[in-house]
Amino acid sequence: MDTGTWREWGADDASEWSSAPGEHDDKYLRGVLGVITGSPDYPGAAVLGVEAAHRTGVGMVRYIGPRAVRRAVLAKRPETVAVAGRVQAWLLGSGMDSANRSFMLAGDLQHALASGHPSVLDAGGLDLVGTHTGPTVITPHARELAHLLLERDVDCSVEQIEDAPAEWAERAARELEVAVLLKGAVTHVCDPEGTRLTVTARTHWLASAGTGDVLGGIIGALAATHHERLAHDAGAITRLAATGAFIHSEAARRASDAVDGGPVVALDIAREVPRVVGGLLRR
């Protein structure tokens, strides 16, 4: 497979996709992110994604996931709106089991994907790729991507993807006709139109539970904030995903630096996101 040239996405690139609210902005102009994530078994996925989205600077987060998870989300972030309503982008699937969806949850997910709004599909929402109607990015790690491709009769293995992530990210983008963010020490972000971007991890302490949920929240917030751009430039979702990966990686580095290079947890990363965004805005 010919993967062409991949370009490292850095601070200067990410700063072009970072914006502060203006004097005439309100929460709707700033963007509303709808979130359907988490489950009774994994409520933390929803808490982490919502936390990260708020801290990225979105106008509003609307959580309409499972009722049992809603209480945990509101206990951590009471500014979250927990009823259905206006949404301008979606974050779907984190912390869910695709094989164990209720009829109501399946309906909510399909309604979101039929809305035409930008979507971020993660973890338990990855199998829904292909039913989306708006600009969409999927955010698998190697094991999830292998499972997704095997379900579509593409012969591959986790080991093959880990050995050649650039090739498989690009193939997945073509096969699935969607933007792909393949997570790893070097994250590969690409789309069927030929955009090929990498983001190199600034600390390997990112390899821990919950950090992917934080990444999903960051990208979802960026998609909601840029919903007007995405309405006429669907390909922008790829660059927004790369920007989210850069913010995520830099926030992890800062969190680790704050403890002398020591280990960090997902919430530590989310707390550093506003400082990273502020730094990008100052550029």
C-alpha atoms as a PDB file:
ATOM      1  CA  MET A   1       0.000   0.000   0.000  1.00  0.00           C
ATOM      2  CA  ASP A   2       1.258   3.451  -0.936  1.00  0.00           C
ATOM      3  CA  THR A   3       0.799   5.742   2.054  1.00  0.00           C
ATOM      4  CA  GLY A   4       2.349   8.834   0.500  1.00  0.00           C
ATOM      5  CA  THR A   5       3.746  11.575   2.689  1.00  0.00           C
ATOM      6  CA  TRP A   6       2.610  12.081   6.260  1.00  0.00           C
ATOM      7  CA  ARG A   7       3.054  15.467   7.949  1.00  0.00           C
ATOM      8  CA  GLU A   8       3.555  16.062  11.659  1.00  0.00           C
ATOM      9  CA  TRP A   9       0.809  18.313  13.054  1.00  0.00           C
ATOM     10  CA  GLY A  10       2.259  20.789  15.520  1.00  0.00           C
ATOM     11  CA  ALA A  11       1.433  23.816  17.638  1.00  0.00           C
ATOM     12  CA  ASP A  12       1.362  26.275  14.735  1.00  0.00           C
ATOM     13  CA  ASP A  13      -1.106  24.052  12.892  1.00  0.00           C
ATOM     14  CA  ALA A  14      -3.289  23.494  15.948  1.00  0.00           C
ATOM     15  CA  SER A  15      -3.359  27.216  16.750  1.00  0.00           C
ATOM     16  CA  GLU A  16      -5.092  27.885  13.433  1.00  0.00           C
ATOM     17  CA  TRP A  17      -7.981  25.693  14.591  1.00  0.00           C
ATOM     18  CA  SER A  18      -8.253  27.213  18.077  1.00  0.00           C
ATOM     19  CA  SER A  19     -10.573  30.145  18.690  1.00  0.00           C
ATOM     20  CA  ALA A  20     -11.785  32.203  21.639  1.00  0.00           C
ATOM     21  CA  PRO A  21     -15.382  33.456  21.900  1.00  0.00           C
ATOM     22  CA  GLY A  22     -16.051  36.965  20.618  1.00  0.00           C
ATOM     23  CA  GLU A  23     -18.141  39.671  22.199  1.00  0.00           C
ATOM     24  CA  HIS A  24     -21.250  38.631  20.255  1.00  0.00           C
ATOM     25  CA  ASP A  25     -20.917  34.878  20.831  1.00  0.00           C
ATOM     26  CA  ASP A  26     -23.316  32.913  22.979  1.00  0.00           C
ATOM     27  CA  LYS A  27     -23.351  29.250  23.969  1.00  0.00           C
ATOM     28  CA  TYR A  28     -25.077  28.238  20.728  1.00  0.00           C
ATOM     29  CA  LEU A  29     -22.720  30.141  18.479  1.00  0.00           C
ATOM     30  CA  ARG A  30     -19.842  28.638  20.436  1.00  0.00           C
ATOM     31  CA  GLY A  31     -21.265  25.187  19.806  1.00  0.00           C
ATOM     32  CA  VAL A  32     -23.305  22.529  21.585  1.00  0.00           C
ATOM     33  CA  LEU A  33     -21.812  19.050  21.864  1.00  0.00           C
ATOM     34  CA  GLY A  34     -24.245  16.199  22.306  1.00  0.00           C
ATOM     35  CA  VAL A  35     -22.784  13.240  24.189  1.00  0.00           C
ATOM     36  CA  ILE A  36     -24.059   9.667  24.259  1.00  0.00           C
ATOM     37  CA  THR A  37     -21.340   7.722  26.041  1.00  0.00           C
ATOM     38  CA  GLY A  38     -20.753   5.612  29.123  1.00  0.00           C
ATOM     39  CA  SER A  39     -22.674   2.705  30.590  1.00  0.00           C
ATOM     40  CA  PRO A  40     -23.473   1.348  34.058  1.00  0.00           C
ATOM     41  CA  ASP A  41     -20.296  -0.736  33.787  1.00  0.00           C
ATOM     42  CA  TYR A  42     -18.151   2.178  32.541  1.00  0.00           C
ATOM     43  CA  PRO A  43     -19.663   5.448  33.781  1.00  0.00           C
ATOM     44  CA  GLY A  44     -16.219   7.043  33.998  1.00  0.00           C
ATOM     45  CA  ALA A  45     -15.957   7.195  30.205  1.00  0.00           C
ATOM     46  CA  ALA A  46     -18.840   9.649  30.120  1.00  0.00           C
ATOM     47  CA  VAL A  47     -17.505  11.690  33.037  1.00  0.00           C
ATOM     48  CA  LEU A  48     -14.071  12.019  31.432  1.00  0.00           C
ATOM     49  CA  GLY A  49     -15.354  12.903  27.972  1.00  0.00           C
ATOM     50  CA  VAL A  50     -17.737  15.536  29.302  1.00  0.00           C
ATOM     51  CA  GLU A  51     -15.036  16.990  31.550  1.00  0.00           C
ATOM     52  CA  ALA A  52     -12.604  17.293  28.633  1.00  0.00           C
ATOM     53  CA  ALA A  53     -15.216  18.830  26.346  1.00  0.00           C
ATOM     54  CA  HIS A  54     -16.084  21.535  28.881  1.00  0.00           C
ATOM     55  CA  ARG A  55     -12.421  22.340  29.399  1.00  0.00           C
ATOM     56  CA  THR A  56     -11.763  22.645  25.662  1.00  0.00           C
ATOM     57  CA  GLY A  57     -14.085  25.655  25.489  1.00  0.00           C
ATOM     58  CA  VAL A  58     -17.317  24.434  23.909  1.00  0.00           C
ATOM     59  CA  GLY A  59     -20.467  26.501  24.502  1.00  0.00           C
ATOM     60  CA  MET A  60     -22.527  23.702  26.027  1.00  0.00           C
ATOM     61  CA  VAL A  61     -22.369  19.982  26.637  1.00  0.00           C
ATOM     62  CA  ARG A  62     -25.671  18.125  26.392  1.00  0.00           C
ATOM     63  CA  TYR A  63     -25.505  14.637  27.901  1.00  0.00           C
ATOM     64  CA  ILE A  64     -28.335  12.305  26.914  1.00  0.00           C
ATOM     65  CA  GLY A  65     -26.731   8.937  27.596  1.00  0.00           C
ATOM     66  CA  PRO A  66     -27.946   6.228  29.989  1.00  0.00           C
ATOM     67  CA  ARG A  67     -29.860   7.540  32.985  1.00  0.00           C
ATOM     68  CA  ALA A  68     -27.681   5.639  35.444  1.00  0.00           C
ATOM     69  CA  VAL A  69     -24.615   7.460  34.113  1.00  0.00           C
ATOM     70  CA  ARG A  70     -26.231  10.880  34.013  1.00  0.00           C
ATOM     71  CA  ARG A  71     -26.027  11.270  37.783  1.00  0.00           C
ATOM     72  CA  ALA A  72     -22.258  10.719  37.757  1.00  0.00           C
ATOM     73  CA  VAL A  73     -21.819  13.256  34.950  1.00  0.00           C
ATOM     74  CA  LEU A  74     -23.878  15.920  36.731  1.00  0.00           C
ATOM     75  CA  ALA A  75     -22.116  15.286  40.050  1.00  0.00           C
ATOM     76  CA  LYS A  76     -18.791  16.118  38.394  1.00  0.00           C
ATOM     77  CA  ARG A  77     -19.949  18.810  35.939  1.00  0.00           C
ATOM     78  CA  PRO A  78     -23.272  20.354  37.054  1.00  0.00           C
ATOM     79  CA  GLU A  79     -23.213  22.829  34.139  1.00  0.00           C
ATOM     80  CA  THR A  80     -23.913  19.908  31.795  1.00  0.00           C
ATOM     81  CA  VAL A  81     -27.427  19.950  30.332  1.00  0.00           C
ATOM     82  CA  ALA A  82     -29.066  16.550  30.728  1.00  0.00           C
ATOM     83  CA  VAL A  83     -32.156  16.818  28.513  1.00  0.00           C
ATOM     84  CA  ALA A  84     -32.559  16.456  24.755  1.00  0.00           C
ATOM     85  CA  GLY A  85     -32.396  19.584  22.623  1.00  0.00           C
ATOM     86  CA  ARG A  86     -30.300  21.537  20.174  1.00  0.00           C
ATOM     87  CA  VAL A  87     -26.977  19.892  19.242  1.00  0.00           C
ATOM     88  CA  GLN A  88     -24.297  20.877  16.701  1.00  0.00           C
ATOM     89  CA  ALA A  89     -21.895  17.912  16.978  1.00  0.00           C
ATOM     90  CA  TRP A  90     -21.895  14.479  18.595  1.00  0.00           C
ATOM     91  CA  LEU A  91     -19.550  12.325  20.678  1.00  0.00           C
ATOM     92  CA  LEU A  92     -20.767   8.726  20.613  1.00  0.00           C
ATOM     93  CA  GLY A  93     -19.768   5.331  21.942  1.00  0.00           C
ATOM     94  CA  SER A  94     -17.043   5.752  24.571  1.00  0.00           C
ATOM     95  CA  GLY A  95     -17.490   3.276  27.406  1.00  0.00           C
ATOM     96  CA  MET A  96     -20.275   1.362  25.665  1.00  0.00           C
ATOM     97  CA  ASP A  97     -20.607  -2.263  24.558  1.00  0.00           C
ATOM     98  CA  SER A  98     -21.812  -2.513  20.976  1.00  0.00           C
ATOM     99  CA  ALA A  99     -23.145  -6.022  21.652  1.00  0.00           C
ATOM    100  CA  ASN A 100     -25.296  -4.920  24.580  1.00  0.00           C
ATOM    101  CA  ARG A 101     -27.402  -1.926  23.522  1.00  0.00           C
ATOM    102  CA  SER A 102     -30.923  -1.343  24.698  1.00  0.00           C
ATOM    103  CA  PHE A 103     -33.578  -0.558  22.087  1.00  0.00           C
ATOM    104  CA  MET A 104     -33.768   3.015  23.390  1.00  0.00           C
ATOM    105  CA  LEU A 105     -29.995   3.546  23.304  1.00  0.00           C
ATOM    106  CA  ALA A 106     -29.737   2.149  19.775  1.00  0.00           C
ATOM    107  CA  GLY A 107     -32.455   4.565  18.716  1.00  0.00           C
ATOM    108  CA  ASP A 108     -30.693   7.534  20.307  1.00  0.00           C
ATOM    109  CA  LEU A 109     -27.430   6.678  18.560  1.00  0.00           C
ATOM    110  CA  GLN A 110     -29.064   6.249  15.163  1.00  0.00           C
ATOM    111  CA  HIS A 111     -31.000   9.487  15.593  1.00  0.00           C
ATOM    112  CA  ALA A 112     -27.743  11.309  16.326  1.00  0.00           C
ATOM    113  CA  LEU A 113     -26.010   9.848  13.272  1.00  0.00           C
ATOM    114  CA  ALA A 114     -28.995  10.677  11.053  1.00  0.00           C
ATOM    115  CA  SER A 115     -28.900  14.340  12.131  1.00  0.00           C
ATOM    116  CA  GLY A 116     -26.198  15.304   9.628  1.00  0.00           C
ATOM    117  CA  HIS A 117     -24.116  16.902  12.382  1.00  0.00           C
ATOM    118  CA  PRO A 118     -20.369  16.195  12.783  1.00  0.00           C
ATOM    119  CA  SER A 119     -19.704  13.076  14.826  1.00  0.00           C
ATOM    120  CA  VAL A 120     -16.859  11.485  16.756  1.00  0.00           C
ATOM    121  CA  LEU A 121     -17.250   7.698  16.985  1.00  0.00           C
ATOM    122  CA  ASP A 122     -15.243   5.914  19.657  1.00  0.00           C
ATOM    123  CA  ALA A 123     -15.072   2.435  21.209  1.00  0.00           C
ATOM    124  CA  GLY A 124     -18.620   1.036  21.468  1.00  0.00           C
ATOM    125  CA  GLY A 125     -19.821   3.292  18.666  1.00  0.00           C
ATOM    126  CA  LEU A 126     -17.287   2.243  16.038  1.00  0.00           C
ATOM    127  CA  ASP A 127     -19.565  -0.380  14.511  1.00  0.00           C
ATOM    128  CA  LEU A 128     -21.969   2.401  13.526  1.00  0.00           C
ATOM    129  CA  VAL A 129     -19.565   3.843  10.964  1.00  0.00           C
ATOM    130  CA  GLY A 130     -21.305   3.860   7.612  1.00  0.00           C
ATOM    131  CA  THR A 131     -24.638   4.948   9.076  1.00  0.00           C
ATOM    132  CA  HIS A 132     -23.408   8.506   9.655  1.00  0.00           C
ATOM    133  CA  THR A 133     -24.692  11.376   7.520  1.00  0.00           C
ATOM    134  CA  GLY A 134     -22.376  14.212   8.598  1.00  0.00           C
ATOM    135  CA  PRO A 135     -18.596  14.718   8.782  1.00  0.00           C
ATOM    136  CA  THR A 136     -17.305  11.911  10.981  1.00  0.00           C
ATOM    137  CA  VAL A 137     -14.044  10.736  12.509  1.00  0.00           C
ATOM    138  CA  ILE A 138     -13.481   7.374  14.170  1.00  0.00           C
ATOM    139  CA  THR A 139     -10.896   7.085  16.960  1.00  0.00           C
ATOM    140  CA  PRO A 140      -9.829   3.433  17.368  1.00  0.00           C
ATOM    141  CA  HIS A 141      -6.670   1.912  18.762  1.00  0.00           C
ATOM    142  CA  ALA A 142      -5.115  -0.997  16.865  1.00  0.00           C
ATOM    143  CA  ARG A 143      -7.217  -3.730  18.456  1.00  0.00           C
ATOM    144  CA  GLU A 144     -10.461  -1.858  17.836  1.00  0.00           C
ATOM    145  CA  LEU A 145      -9.520  -1.135  14.231  1.00  0.00           C
ATOM    146  CA  ALA A 146      -8.649  -4.774  13.582  1.00  0.00           C
ATOM    147  CA  HIS A 147     -12.016  -5.865  14.965  1.00  0.00           C
ATOM    148  CA  LEU A 148     -13.847  -3.253  12.888  1.00  0.00           C
ATOM    149  CA  LEU A 149     -12.117  -4.233   9.645  1.00  0.00           C
ATOM    150  CA  LEU A 150     -12.561  -7.956  10.255  1.00  0.00           C
ATOM    151  CA  GLU A 151     -16.292  -7.357  10.652  1.00  0.00           C
ATOM    152  CA  ARG A 152     -16.175  -5.892   7.138  1.00  0.00           C
ATOM    153  CA  ASP A 153     -14.303  -8.897   5.737  1.00  0.00           C
ATOM    154  CA  VAL A 154     -10.918  -7.161   5.553  1.00  0.00           C
ATOM    155  CA  ASP A 155      -8.244  -9.689   6.491  1.00  0.00           C
ATOM    156  CA  CYS A 156      -5.994  -8.126   9.119  1.00  0.00           C
ATOM    157  CA  SER A 157      -4.665  -8.595  12.636  1.00  0.00           C
ATOM    158  CA  VAL A 158      -3.726  -6.422  15.575  1.00  0.00           C
ATOM    159  CA  GLU A 159      -0.071  -7.250  14.948  1.00  0.00           C
ATOM    160  CA  GLN A 160      -0.278  -6.164  11.318  1.00  0.00           C
ATOM    161  CA  ILE A 161      -1.815  -2.835  12.277  1.00  0.00           C
ATOM    162  CA  GLU A 162       0.742  -2.237  15.020  1.00  0.00           C
ATOM    163  CA  ASP A 163       3.578  -3.022  12.581  1.00  0.00           C
ATOM    164  CA  ALA A 164       2.273  -0.674   9.856  1.00  0.00           C
ATOM    165  CA  PRO A 165      -0.138   1.847  11.404  1.00  0.00           C
ATOM    166  CA  ALA A 166       0.180   4.400   8.595  1.00  0.00           C
ATOM    167  CA  GLU A 167      -0.775   1.848   5.955  1.00  0.00           C
ATOM    168  CA  TRP A 168      -3.731   0.513   7.907  1.00  0.00           C
ATOM    169  CA  ALA A 169      -5.051   3.932   8.936  1.00  0.00           C
ATOM    170  CA  GLU A 170      -5.085   4.942   5.280  1.00  0.00           C
ATOM    171  CA  ARG A 171      -6.667   1.678   4.172  1.00  0.00           C
ATOM    172  CA  ALA A 172      -9.359   2.020   6.831  1.00  0.00           C
ATOM    173  CA  ALA A 173     -10.150   5.546   5.669  1.00  0.00           C
ATOM    174  CA  ARG A 174     -10.648   4.240   2.136  1.00  0.00           C
ATOM    175  CA  GLU A 175     -12.566   1.122   3.110  1.00  0.00           C
ATOM    176  CA  LEU A 176     -14.870   2.893   5.566  1.00  0.00           C
ATOM    177  CA  GLU A 177     -15.043   6.226   3.700  1.00  0.00           C
ATOM    178  CA  VAL A 178     -14.472   8.197   6.879  1.00  0.00           C
ATOM    179  CA  ALA A 179     -11.734  10.144   8.640  1.00  0.00           C
ATOM    180  CA  VAL A 180      -9.626   7.865  10.838  1.00  0.00           C
ATOM    181  CA  LEU A 181      -7.611   8.732  13.932  1.00  0.00           C
ATOM    182  CA  LEU A 182      -5.574   5.639  14.793  1.00  0.00           C
ATOM    183  CA  LYS A 183      -4.251   6.061  18.316  1.00  0.00           C
ATOM    184  CA  GLY A 184      -0.701   5.118  19.257  1.00  0.00           C
ATOM    185  CA  ALA A 185       2.674   6.486  20.314  1.00  0.00           C
ATOM    186  CA  VAL A 186       2.447   8.162  16.933  1.00  0.00           C
ATOM    187  CA  THR A 187      -1.199   8.899  16.182  1.00  0.00           C
ATOM    188  CA  HIS A 188      -2.126   8.741  12.488  1.00  0.00           C
ATOM    189  CA  VAL A 189      -4.976  10.910  11.233  1.00  0.00           C
ATOM    190  CA  CYS A 190      -6.136  10.581   7.637  1.00  0.00           C
ATOM    191  CA  ASP A 191      -9.156  10.637   5.358  1.00  0.00           C
ATOM    192  CA  PRO A 192     -10.246   9.259   1.978  1.00  0.00           C
ATOM    193  CA  GLU A 193      -9.301  12.536   0.278  1.00  0.00           C
ATOM    194  CA  GLY A 194      -5.619  11.966   1.024  1.00  0.00           C
ATOM    195  CA  THR A 195      -4.959  14.134   4.086  1.00  0.00           C
ATOM    196  CA  ARG A 196      -2.236  12.392   6.134  1.00  0.00           C
ATOM    197  CA  LEU A 197      -1.223  13.828   9.511  1.00  0.00           C
ATOM    198  CA  THR A 198       0.701  12.493  12.504  1.00  0.00           C
ATOM    199  CA  VAL A 199       0.858  13.589  16.124  1.00  0.00           C
ATOM    200  CA  THR A 200       3.754  12.185  18.147  1.00  0.00           C
ATOM    201  CA  ALA A 201       3.057  11.591  21.837  1.00  0.00           C
ATOM    202  CA  ARG A 202       4.927  13.972  24.117  1.00  0.00           C
ATOM    203  CA  THR A 203       4.778  11.493  26.993  1.00  0.00           C
ATOM    204  CA  HIS A 204       4.086   7.774  27.095  1.00  0.00           C
ATOM    205  CA  TRP A 205       2.177   8.145  30.361  1.00  0.00           C
ATOM    206  CA  LEU A 206      -0.812   8.514  28.004  1.00  0.00           C
ATOM    207  CA  ALA A 207      -0.927   4.709  27.900  1.00  0.00           C
ATOM    208  CA  SER A 208      -3.488   4.380  30.688  1.00  0.00           C
ATOM    209  CA  ALA A 209      -7.216   3.878  31.127  1.00  0.00           C
ATOM    210  CA  GLY A 210      -9.518   6.778  30.355  1.00  0.00           C
ATOM    211  CA  THR A 211      -7.138   8.891  28.304  1.00  0.00           C
ATOM    212  CA  GLY A 212      -8.958   7.971  25.084  1.00  0.00           C
ATOM    213  CA  ASP A 213     -12.216   9.201  26.608  1.00  0.00           C
ATOM    214  CA  VAL A 214     -10.551  12.554  27.252  1.00  0.00           C
ATOM    215  CA  LEU A 215      -9.368  12.681  23.639  1.00  0.00           C
ATOM    216  CA  GLY A 216     -12.899  12.039  22.397  1.00  0.00           C
ATOM    217  CA  GLY A 217     -14.238  14.921  24.476  1.00  0.00           C
ATOM    218  CA  ILE A 218     -11.597  17.304  23.135  1.00  0.00           C
ATOM    219  CA  ILE A 219     -12.288  16.417  19.494  1.00  0.00           C
ATOM    220  CA  GLY A 220     -16.039  16.551  20.025  1.00  0.00           C
ATOM    221  CA  ALA A 221     -15.774  20.025  21.528  1.00  0.00           C
ATOM    222  CA  LEU A 222     -13.654  21.243  18.611  1.00  0.00           C
ATOM    223  CA  ALA A 223     -16.173  19.833  16.135  1.00  0.00           C
ATOM    224  CA  ALA A 224     -19.045  21.605  17.901  1.00  0.00           C
ATOM    225  CA  THR A 225     -17.152  24.894  18.040  1.00  0.00           C
ATOM    226  CA  HIS A 226     -16.387  24.664  14.313  1.00  0.00           C
ATOM    227  CA  HIS A 227     -19.820  23.389  13.266  1.00  0.00           C
ATOM    228  CA  GLU A 228     -20.323  26.248  10.811  1.00  0.00           C
ATOM    229  CA  ARG A 229     -17.010  25.496   9.063  1.00  0.00           C
ATOM    230  CA  LEU A 230     -17.851  21.794   8.910  1.00  0.00           C
ATOM    231  CA  ALA A 231     -21.222  22.536   7.319  1.00  0.00           C
ATOM    232  CA  HIS A 232     -19.437  23.598   4.111  1.00  0.00           C
ATOM    233  CA  ASP A 233     -16.050  21.881   4.544  1.00  0.00           C
ATOM    234  CA  ALA A 234     -16.532  18.302   5.728  1.00  0.00           C
ATOM    235  CA  GLY A 235     -12.819  17.584   5.303  1.00  0.00           C
ATOM    236  CA  ALA A 236     -12.031  19.956   8.154  1.00  0.00           C
ATOM    237  CA  ILE A 237     -12.946  17.146  10.573  1.00  0.00           C
ATOM    238  CA  THR A 238      -9.556  15.543   9.855  1.00  0.00           C
ATOM    239  CA  ARG A 239      -7.611  18.652  10.882  1.00  0.00           C
ATOM    240  CA  LEU A 240      -9.807  19.181  13.917  1.00  0.00           C
ATOM    241  CA  ALA A 241      -9.118  15.585  14.977  1.00  0.00           C
ATOM    242  CA  ALA A 242      -5.368  16.159  14.607  1.00  0.00           C
ATOM    243  CA  THR A 243      -5.706  19.367  16.625  1.00  0.00           C
ATOM    244  CA  GLY A 244      -7.504  17.423  19.335  1.00  0.00           C
ATOM    245  CA  ALA A 245      -4.715  14.834  19.370  1.00  0.00           C
ATOM    246  CA  PHE A 246      -2.109  17.596  19.707  1.00  0.00           C
ATOM    247  CA  ILE A 247      -3.979  19.281  22.589  1.00  0.00           C
ATOM    248  CA  HIS A 248      -4.395  15.907  24.291  1.00  0.00           C
ATOM    249  CA  SER A 249      -0.709  15.020  23.975  1.00  0.00           C
ATOM    250  CA  GLU A 250       0.515  18.425  25.121  1.00  0.00           C
ATOM    251  CA  ALA A 251      -1.876  18.402  28.093  1.00  0.00           C
ATOM    252  CA  ALA A 252      -0.488  15.004  29.122  1.00  0.00           C
ATOM    253  CA  ARG A 253       3.069  16.301  28.887  1.00  0.00           C
ATOM    254  CA  ARG A 254       2.240  19.300  31.053  1.00  0.00           C
ATOM    255  CA  ALA A 255       0.469  17.139  33.605  1.00  0.00           C
ATOM    256  CA  SER A 256       3.491  14.826  33.818  1.00  0.00           C
ATOM    257  CA  ASP A 257       5.933  17.744  34.014  1.00  0.00           C
ATOM    258  CA  ALA A 258       3.962  19.069  36.985  1.00  0.00           C
ATOM    259  CA  VAL A 259       4.898  15.891  38.890  1.00  0.00           C
ATOM    260  CA  ASP A 260       8.527  15.804  37.773  1.00  0.00           C
ATOM    261  CA  GLY A 261       7.878  13.519  34.827  1.00  0.00           C
ATOM    262  CA  GLY A 262       5.820  11.103  36.877  1.00  0.00           C
ATOM    263  CA  PRO A 263       2.637   9.235  36.022  1.00  0.00           C
ATOM    264  CA  VAL A 264      -0.641  10.983  35.316  1.00  0.00           C
ATOM    265  CA  VAL A 265      -4.276   9.902  35.142  1.00  0.00           C
ATOM    266  CA  ALA A 266      -6.963  10.918  32.700  1.00  0.00           C
ATOM    267  CA  LEU A 267      -8.443  13.700  34.822  1.00  0.00           C
ATOM    268  CA  ASP A 268      -4.973  15.240  35.222  1.00  0.00           C
ATOM    269  CA  ILE A 269      -4.832  15.525  31.436  1.00  0.00           C
ATOM    270  CA  ALA A 270      -8.280  17.091  31.200  1.00  0.00           C
ATOM    271  CA  ARG A 271      -7.336  19.717  33.792  1.00  0.00           C
ATOM    272  CA  GLU A 272      -4.374  20.838  31.688  1.00  0.00           C
ATOM    273  CA  VAL A 273      -6.423  21.296  28.516  1.00  0.00           C
ATOM    274  CA  PRO A 274      -7.391  24.951  29.187  1.00  0.00           C
ATOM    275  CA  ARG A 275      -3.717  25.926  29.560  1.00  0.00           C
ATOM    276  CA  VAL A 276      -2.847  24.227  26.289  1.00  0.00           C
ATOM    277  CA  VAL A 277      -5.739  25.944  24.491  1.00  0.00           C
ATOM    278  CA  GLY A 278      -4.719  29.271  26.017  1.00  0.00           C
ATOM    279  CA  GLY A 279      -1.182  28.794  24.763  1.00  0.00           C
ATOM    280  CA  LEU A 280      -2.436  28.039  21.255  1.00  0.00           C
ATOM    281  CA  LEU A 281      -4.593  31.159  21.288  1.00  0.00           C
ATOM    282  CA  ARG A 282      -1.631  33.313  22.281  1.00  0.00           C
ATOM    283  CA  ARG A 283       0.311  32.076  19.230  1.00  0.00           C
END
